[in-house]
Amino acid sequence: MSDDEITPQLLTAQQIATLLAISKRQIWRLADRGVLPGRITIGRLTRWRKDLINKWVAAGCPGA
């Protein structure tokens, strides 16, 4: 398997913002309200589980 075939399973706020076509700041607002699922903190980094974000989007982004 090459590096090109590896799909990230944890997304940054910027990646989610691009996916949803909203601002990065709006992602943090959703996260702070507890609306955005799958938040993981690793040291000072915050990432979101891709599978949970995809399910949330497929459900129509409830709570947003």
PDB file of N, CA and C in Angstrom:
ATOM      1  N   MET A   1       0.852  -1.180   0.000  1.00  0.00           N
ATOM      2  CA  MET A   1       0.000   0.000   0.000  1.00  0.00           C
ATOM      3  C   MET A   1       0.895   1.239   0.000  1.00  0.00           C
ATOM      4  N   SER A   2       0.633   2.149  -0.891  1.00  0.00           N
ATOM      5  CA  SER A   2       1.415   3.377  -0.955  1.00  0.00           C
ATOM      6  C   SER A   2       0.759   4.453  -0.101  1.00  0.00           C
ATOM      7  N   ASP A   3       1.510   5.509   0.160  1.00  0.00           N
ATOM      8  CA  ASP A   3       0.973   6.627   0.942  1.00  0.00           C
ATOM      9  C   ASP A   3      -0.223   7.270   0.261  1.00  0.00           C
ATOM     10  N   ASP A   4      -0.278   7.212  -1.084  1.00  0.00           N
ATOM     11  CA  ASP A   4      -1.391   7.807  -1.817  1.00  0.00           C
ATOM     12  C   ASP A   4      -2.700   7.067  -1.570  1.00  0.00           C
ATOM     13  N   GLU A   5      -2.620   5.802  -1.158  1.00  0.00           N
ATOM     14  CA  GLU A   5      -3.813   4.997  -0.947  1.00  0.00           C
ATOM     15  C   GLU A   5      -4.354   5.116   0.474  1.00  0.00           C
ATOM     16  N   ILE A   6      -3.611   5.752   1.358  1.00  0.00           N
ATOM     17  CA  ILE A   6      -4.046   5.887   2.751  1.00  0.00           C
ATOM     18  C   ILE A   6      -5.005   7.064   2.864  1.00  0.00           C
ATOM     19  N   THR A   7      -6.184   6.789   3.374  1.00  0.00           N
ATOM     20  CA  THR A   7      -7.190   7.822   3.572  1.00  0.00           C
ATOM     21  C   THR A   7      -7.205   8.191   5.046  1.00  0.00           C
ATOM     22  N   PRO A   8      -7.090   9.477   5.370  1.00  0.00           N
ATOM     23  CA  PRO A   8      -7.091   9.850   6.786  1.00  0.00           C
ATOM     24  C   PRO A   8      -8.432   9.514   7.439  1.00  0.00           C
ATOM     25  N   GLN A   9      -8.369   8.963   8.630  1.00  0.00           N
ATOM     26  CA  GLN A   9      -9.569   8.614   9.372  1.00  0.00           C
ATOM     27  C   GLN A   9      -9.921   9.670  10.408  1.00  0.00           C
ATOM     28  N   LEU A  10      -8.998  10.599  10.631  1.00  0.00           N
ATOM     29  CA  LEU A  10      -9.240  11.721  11.526  1.00  0.00           C
ATOM     30  C   LEU A  10      -9.121  13.002  10.715  1.00  0.00           C
ATOM     31  N   LEU A  11     -10.094  13.873  10.843  1.00  0.00           N
ATOM     32  CA  LEU A  11     -10.144  15.103  10.056  1.00  0.00           C
ATOM     33  C   LEU A  11      -9.882  16.330  10.914  1.00  0.00           C
ATOM     34  N   THR A  12      -9.255  17.323  10.315  1.00  0.00           N
ATOM     35  CA  THR A  12      -9.042  18.606  10.970  1.00  0.00           C
ATOM     36  C   THR A  12     -10.283  19.476  10.796  1.00  0.00           C
ATOM     37  N   ALA A  13     -10.336  20.557  11.555  1.00  0.00           N
ATOM     38  CA  ALA A  13     -11.441  21.507  11.416  1.00  0.00           C
ATOM     39  C   ALA A  13     -11.475  22.068   9.997  1.00  0.00           C
ATOM     40  N   GLN A  14     -10.311  22.330   9.425  1.00  0.00           N
ATOM     41  CA  GLN A  14     -10.257  22.866   8.065  1.00  0.00           C
ATOM     42  C   GLN A  14     -10.801  21.865   7.052  1.00  0.00           C
ATOM     43  N   GLN A  15     -10.479  20.592   7.209  1.00  0.00           N
ATOM     44  CA  GLN A  15     -10.977  19.570   6.283  1.00  0.00           C
ATOM     45  C   GLN A  15     -12.495  19.446   6.365  1.00  0.00           C
ATOM     46  N   ILE A  16     -13.040  19.517   7.569  1.00  0.00           N
ATOM     47  CA  ILE A  16     -14.498  19.443   7.724  1.00  0.00           C
ATOM     48  C   ILE A  16     -15.149  20.694   7.147  1.00  0.00           C
ATOM     49  N   ALA A  17     -14.541  21.845   7.383  1.00  0.00           N
ATOM     50  CA  ALA A  17     -15.075  23.102   6.839  1.00  0.00           C
ATOM     51  C   ALA A  17     -15.129  23.038   5.315  1.00  0.00           C
ATOM     52  N   THR A  18     -14.090  22.515   4.710  1.00  0.00           N
ATOM     53  CA  THR A  18     -14.068  22.366   3.247  1.00  0.00           C
ATOM     54  C   THR A  18     -15.149  21.398   2.793  1.00  0.00           C
ATOM     55  N   LEU A  19     -15.286  20.288   3.493  1.00  0.00           N
ATOM     56  CA  LEU A  19     -16.301  19.283   3.164  1.00  0.00           C
ATOM     57  C   LEU A  19     -17.709  19.876   3.209  1.00  0.00           C
ATOM     58  N   LEU A  20     -17.975  20.707   4.215  1.00  0.00           N
ATOM     59  CA  LEU A  20     -19.307  21.270   4.419  1.00  0.00           C
ATOM     60  C   LEU A  20     -19.506  22.632   3.757  1.00  0.00           C
ATOM     61  N   ALA A  21     -18.435  23.178   3.193  1.00  0.00           N
ATOM     62  CA  ALA A  21     -18.473  24.497   2.545  1.00  0.00           C
ATOM     63  C   ALA A  21     -18.911  25.586   3.525  1.00  0.00           C
ATOM     64  N   ILE A  22     -18.341  25.527   4.735  1.00  0.00           N
ATOM     65  CA  ILE A  22     -18.561  26.566   5.731  1.00  0.00           C
ATOM     66  C   ILE A  22     -17.197  26.981   6.277  1.00  0.00           C
ATOM     67  N   SER A  23     -17.190  27.999   7.120  1.00  0.00           N
ATOM     68  CA  SER A  23     -15.919  28.484   7.649  1.00  0.00           C
ATOM     69  C   SER A  23     -15.391  27.566   8.752  1.00  0.00           C
ATOM     70  N   LYS A  24     -14.094  27.640   8.943  1.00  0.00           N
ATOM     71  CA  LYS A  24     -13.452  26.898  10.024  1.00  0.00           C
ATOM     72  C   LYS A  24     -13.994  27.371  11.374  1.00  0.00           C
ATOM     73  N   ARG A  25     -14.243  28.652  11.492  1.00  0.00           N
ATOM     74  CA  ARG A  25     -14.810  29.205  12.734  1.00  0.00           C
ATOM     75  C   ARG A  25     -16.172  28.587  13.035  1.00  0.00           C
ATOM     76  N   GLN A  26     -16.971  28.383  11.994  1.00  0.00           N
ATOM     77  CA  GLN A  26     -18.290  27.762  12.194  1.00  0.00           C
ATOM     78  C   GLN A  26     -18.151  26.320  12.687  1.00  0.00           C
ATOM     79  N   ILE A  27     -17.122  25.622  12.233  1.00  0.00           N
ATOM     80  CA  ILE A  27     -16.859  24.264  12.722  1.00  0.00           C
ATOM     81  C   ILE A  27     -16.613  24.312  14.231  1.00  0.00           C
ATOM     82  N   TRP A  28     -15.795  25.258  14.677  1.00  0.00           N
ATOM     83  CA  TRP A  28     -15.515  25.371  16.114  1.00  0.00           C
ATOM     84  C   TRP A  28     -16.767  25.753  16.899  1.00  0.00           C
ATOM     85  N   ARG A  29     -17.635  26.568  16.316  1.00  0.00           N
ATOM     86  CA  ARG A  29     -18.891  26.912  16.996  1.00  0.00           C
ATOM     87  C   ARG A  29     -19.762  25.666  17.168  1.00  0.00           C
ATOM     88  N   LEU A  30     -19.859  24.852  16.109  1.00  0.00           N
ATOM     89  CA  LEU A  30     -20.632  23.614  16.185  1.00  0.00           C
ATOM     90  C   LEU A  30     -20.031  22.658  17.216  1.00  0.00           C
ATOM     91  N   ALA A  31     -18.711  22.566  17.225  1.00  0.00           N
ATOM     92  CA  ALA A  31     -18.024  21.693  18.182  1.00  0.00           C
ATOM     93  C   ALA A  31     -18.259  22.165  19.615  1.00  0.00           C
ATOM     94  N   ASP A  32     -18.162  23.453  19.847  1.00  0.00           N
ATOM     95  CA  ASP A  32     -18.360  24.010  21.190  1.00  0.00           C
ATOM     96  C   ASP A  32     -19.789  23.802  21.692  1.00  0.00           C
ATOM     97  N   ARG A  33     -20.748  23.786  20.772  1.00  0.00           N
ATOM     98  CA  ARG A  33     -22.150  23.528  21.137  1.00  0.00           C
ATOM     99  C   ARG A  33     -22.428  22.037  21.312  1.00  0.00           C
ATOM    100  N   GLY A  34     -21.466  21.182  20.978  1.00  0.00           N
ATOM    101  CA  GLY A  34     -21.649  19.742  21.111  1.00  0.00           C
ATOM    102  C   GLY A  34     -22.426  19.120  19.977  1.00  0.00           C
ATOM    103  N   VAL A  35     -22.546  19.844  18.870  1.00  0.00           N
ATOM    104  CA  VAL A  35     -23.315  19.368  17.727  1.00  0.00           C
ATOM    105  C   VAL A  35     -22.486  18.449  16.830  1.00  0.00           C
ATOM    106  N   LEU A  36     -21.230  18.745  16.687  1.00  0.00           N
ATOM    107  CA  LEU A  36     -20.349  18.002  15.787  1.00  0.00           C
ATOM    108  C   LEU A  36     -19.846  16.740  16.491  1.00  0.00           C
ATOM    109  N   PRO A  37     -20.141  15.561  15.954  1.00  0.00           N
ATOM    110  CA  PRO A  37     -19.762  14.315  16.636  1.00  0.00           C
ATOM    111  C   PRO A  37     -18.318  13.899  16.381  1.00  0.00           C
ATOM    112  N   GLY A  38     -17.825  13.017  17.230  1.00  0.00           N
ATOM    113  CA  GLY A  38     -16.551  12.362  16.994  1.00  0.00           C
ATOM    114  C   GLY A  38     -15.304  13.138  17.347  1.00  0.00           C
ATOM    115  N   ARG A  39     -15.406  14.097  18.239  1.00  0.00           N
ATOM    116  CA  ARG A  39     -14.259  14.936  18.599  1.00  0.00           C
ATOM    117  C   ARG A  39     -13.246  14.157  19.433  1.00  0.00           C
ATOM    118  N   ILE A  40     -11.995  14.223  19.029  1.00  0.00           N
ATOM    119  CA  ILE A  40     -10.902  13.547  19.718  1.00  0.00           C
ATOM    120  C   ILE A  40      -9.793  14.558  19.956  1.00  0.00           C
ATOM    121  N   THR A  41      -9.254  14.579  21.168  1.00  0.00           N
ATOM    122  CA  THR A  41      -8.139  15.457  21.478  1.00  0.00           C
ATOM    123  C   THR A  41      -6.898  14.608  21.686  1.00  0.00           C
ATOM    124  N   ILE A  42      -5.838  14.952  20.966  1.00  0.00           N
ATOM    125  CA  ILE A  42      -4.550  14.279  21.079  1.00  0.00           C
ATOM    126  C   ILE A  42      -3.541  15.367  21.436  1.00  0.00           C
ATOM    127  N   GLY A  43      -3.174  15.420  22.698  1.00  0.00           N
ATOM    128  CA  GLY A  43      -2.324  16.522  23.142  1.00  0.00           C
ATOM    129  C   GLY A  43      -3.071  17.832  22.948  1.00  0.00           C
ATOM    130  N   ARG A  44      -2.500  18.723  22.159  1.00  0.00           N
ATOM    131  CA  ARG A  44      -3.166  19.998  21.852  1.00  0.00           C
ATOM    132  C   ARG A  44      -3.974  19.947  20.567  1.00  0.00           C
ATOM    133  N   LEU A  45      -3.897  18.841  19.853  1.00  0.00           N
ATOM    134  CA  LEU A  45      -4.603  18.709  18.571  1.00  0.00           C
ATOM    135  C   LEU A  45      -6.029  18.239  18.775  1.00  0.00           C
ATOM    136  N   THR A  46      -6.931  18.739  17.961  1.00  0.00           N
ATOM    137  CA  THR A  46      -8.310  18.265  17.948  1.00  0.00           C
ATOM    138  C   THR A  46      -8.605  17.747  16.553  1.00  0.00           C
ATOM    139  N   ARG A  47      -9.150  16.560  16.510  1.00  0.00           N
ATOM    140  CA  ARG A  47      -9.531  15.935  15.242  1.00  0.00           C
ATOM    141  C   ARG A  47     -10.920  15.332  15.420  1.00  0.00           C
ATOM    142  N   TRP A  48     -11.556  15.025  14.301  1.00  0.00           N
ATOM    143  CA  TRP A  48     -12.870  14.405  14.318  1.00  0.00           C
ATOM    144  C   TRP A  48     -12.838  13.122  13.523  1.00  0.00           C
ATOM    145  N   ARG A  49     -13.556  12.117  14.011  1.00  0.00           N
ATOM    146  CA  ARG A  49     -13.609  10.837  13.318  1.00  0.00           C
ATOM    147  C   ARG A  49     -14.383  10.983  12.019  1.00  0.00           C
ATOM    148  N   LYS A  50     -13.748  10.603  10.950  1.00  0.00           N
ATOM    149  CA  LYS A  50     -14.334  10.735   9.611  1.00  0.00           C
ATOM    150  C   LYS A  50     -15.637   9.946   9.487  1.00  0.00           C
ATOM    151  N   ASP A  51     -15.686   8.740  10.013  1.00  0.00           N
ATOM    152  CA  ASP A  51     -16.889   7.920   9.884  1.00  0.00           C
ATOM    153  C   ASP A  51     -18.087   8.566  10.583  1.00  0.00           C
ATOM    154  N   LEU A  52     -17.857   9.161  11.751  1.00  0.00           N
ATOM    155  CA  LEU A  52     -18.959   9.808  12.467  1.00  0.00           C
ATOM    156  C   LEU A  52     -19.404  11.099  11.786  1.00  0.00           C
ATOM    157  N   ILE A  53     -18.463  11.838  11.227  1.00  0.00           N
ATOM    158  CA  ILE A  53     -18.817  13.051  10.475  1.00  0.00           C
ATOM    159  C   ILE A  53     -19.648  12.682   9.251  1.00  0.00           C
ATOM    160  N   ASN A  54     -19.233  11.627   8.535  1.00  0.00           N
ATOM    161  CA  ASN A  54     -19.984  11.192   7.351  1.00  0.00           C
ATOM    162  C   ASN A  54     -21.406  10.760   7.710  1.00  0.00           C
ATOM    163  N   LYS A  55     -21.565  10.037   8.829  1.00  0.00           N
ATOM    164  CA  LYS A  55     -22.903   9.625   9.275  1.00  0.00           C
ATOM    165  C   LYS A  55     -23.744  10.835   9.659  1.00  0.00           C
ATOM    166  N   TRP A  56     -23.121  11.810  10.313  1.00  0.00           N
ATOM    167  CA  TRP A  56     -23.821  13.030  10.719  1.00  0.00           C
ATOM    168  C   TRP A  56     -24.309  13.798   9.491  1.00  0.00           C
ATOM    169  N   VAL A  57     -23.455  13.899   8.485  1.00  0.00           N
ATOM    170  CA  VAL A  57     -23.831  14.585   7.240  1.00  0.00           C
ATOM    171  C   VAL A  57     -24.960  13.820   6.546  1.00  0.00           C
ATOM    172  N   ALA A  58     -24.841  12.491   6.493  1.00  0.00           N
ATOM    173  CA  ALA A  58     -25.862  11.669   5.844  1.00  0.00           C
ATOM    174  C   ALA A  58     -27.228  11.795   6.547  1.00  0.00           C
ATOM    175  N   ALA A  59     -27.182  12.069   7.849  1.00  0.00           N
ATOM    176  CA  ALA A  59     -28.424  12.248   8.627  1.00  0.00           C
ATOM    177  C   ALA A  59     -28.983  13.669   8.495  1.00  0.00           C
ATOM    178  N   GLY A  60     -28.309  14.513   7.731  1.00  0.00           N
ATOM    179  CA  GLY A  60     -28.797  15.880   7.515  1.00  0.00           C
ATOM    180  C   GLY A  60     -28.247  16.903   8.489  1.00  0.00           C
ATOM    181  N   CYS A  61     -27.123  16.598   9.121  1.00  0.00           N
ATOM    182  CA  CYS A  61     -26.471  17.510  10.063  1.00  0.00           C
ATOM    183  C   CYS A  61     -27.406  17.952  11.189  1.00  0.00           C
ATOM    184  N   PRO A  62     -27.976  16.973  11.917  1.00  0.00           N
ATOM    185  CA  PRO A  62     -28.914  17.353  12.986  1.00  0.00           C
ATOM    186  C   PRO A  62     -28.273  18.251  14.035  1.00  0.00           C
ATOM    187  N   GLY A  63     -29.030  19.235  14.450  1.00  0.00           N
ATOM    188  CA  GLY A  63     -28.567  20.166  15.469  1.00  0.00           C
ATOM    189  C   GLY A  63     -27.820  21.372  14.939  1.00  0.00           C
ATOM    190  N   ALA A  64     -27.460  21.327  13.664  1.00  0.00           N
ATOM    191  CA  ALA A  64     -26.695  22.439  13.085  1.00  0.00           C
ATOM    192  C   ALA A  64     -27.587  23.589  12.695  1.00  0.00           C
TER     193      ALA A  64
END
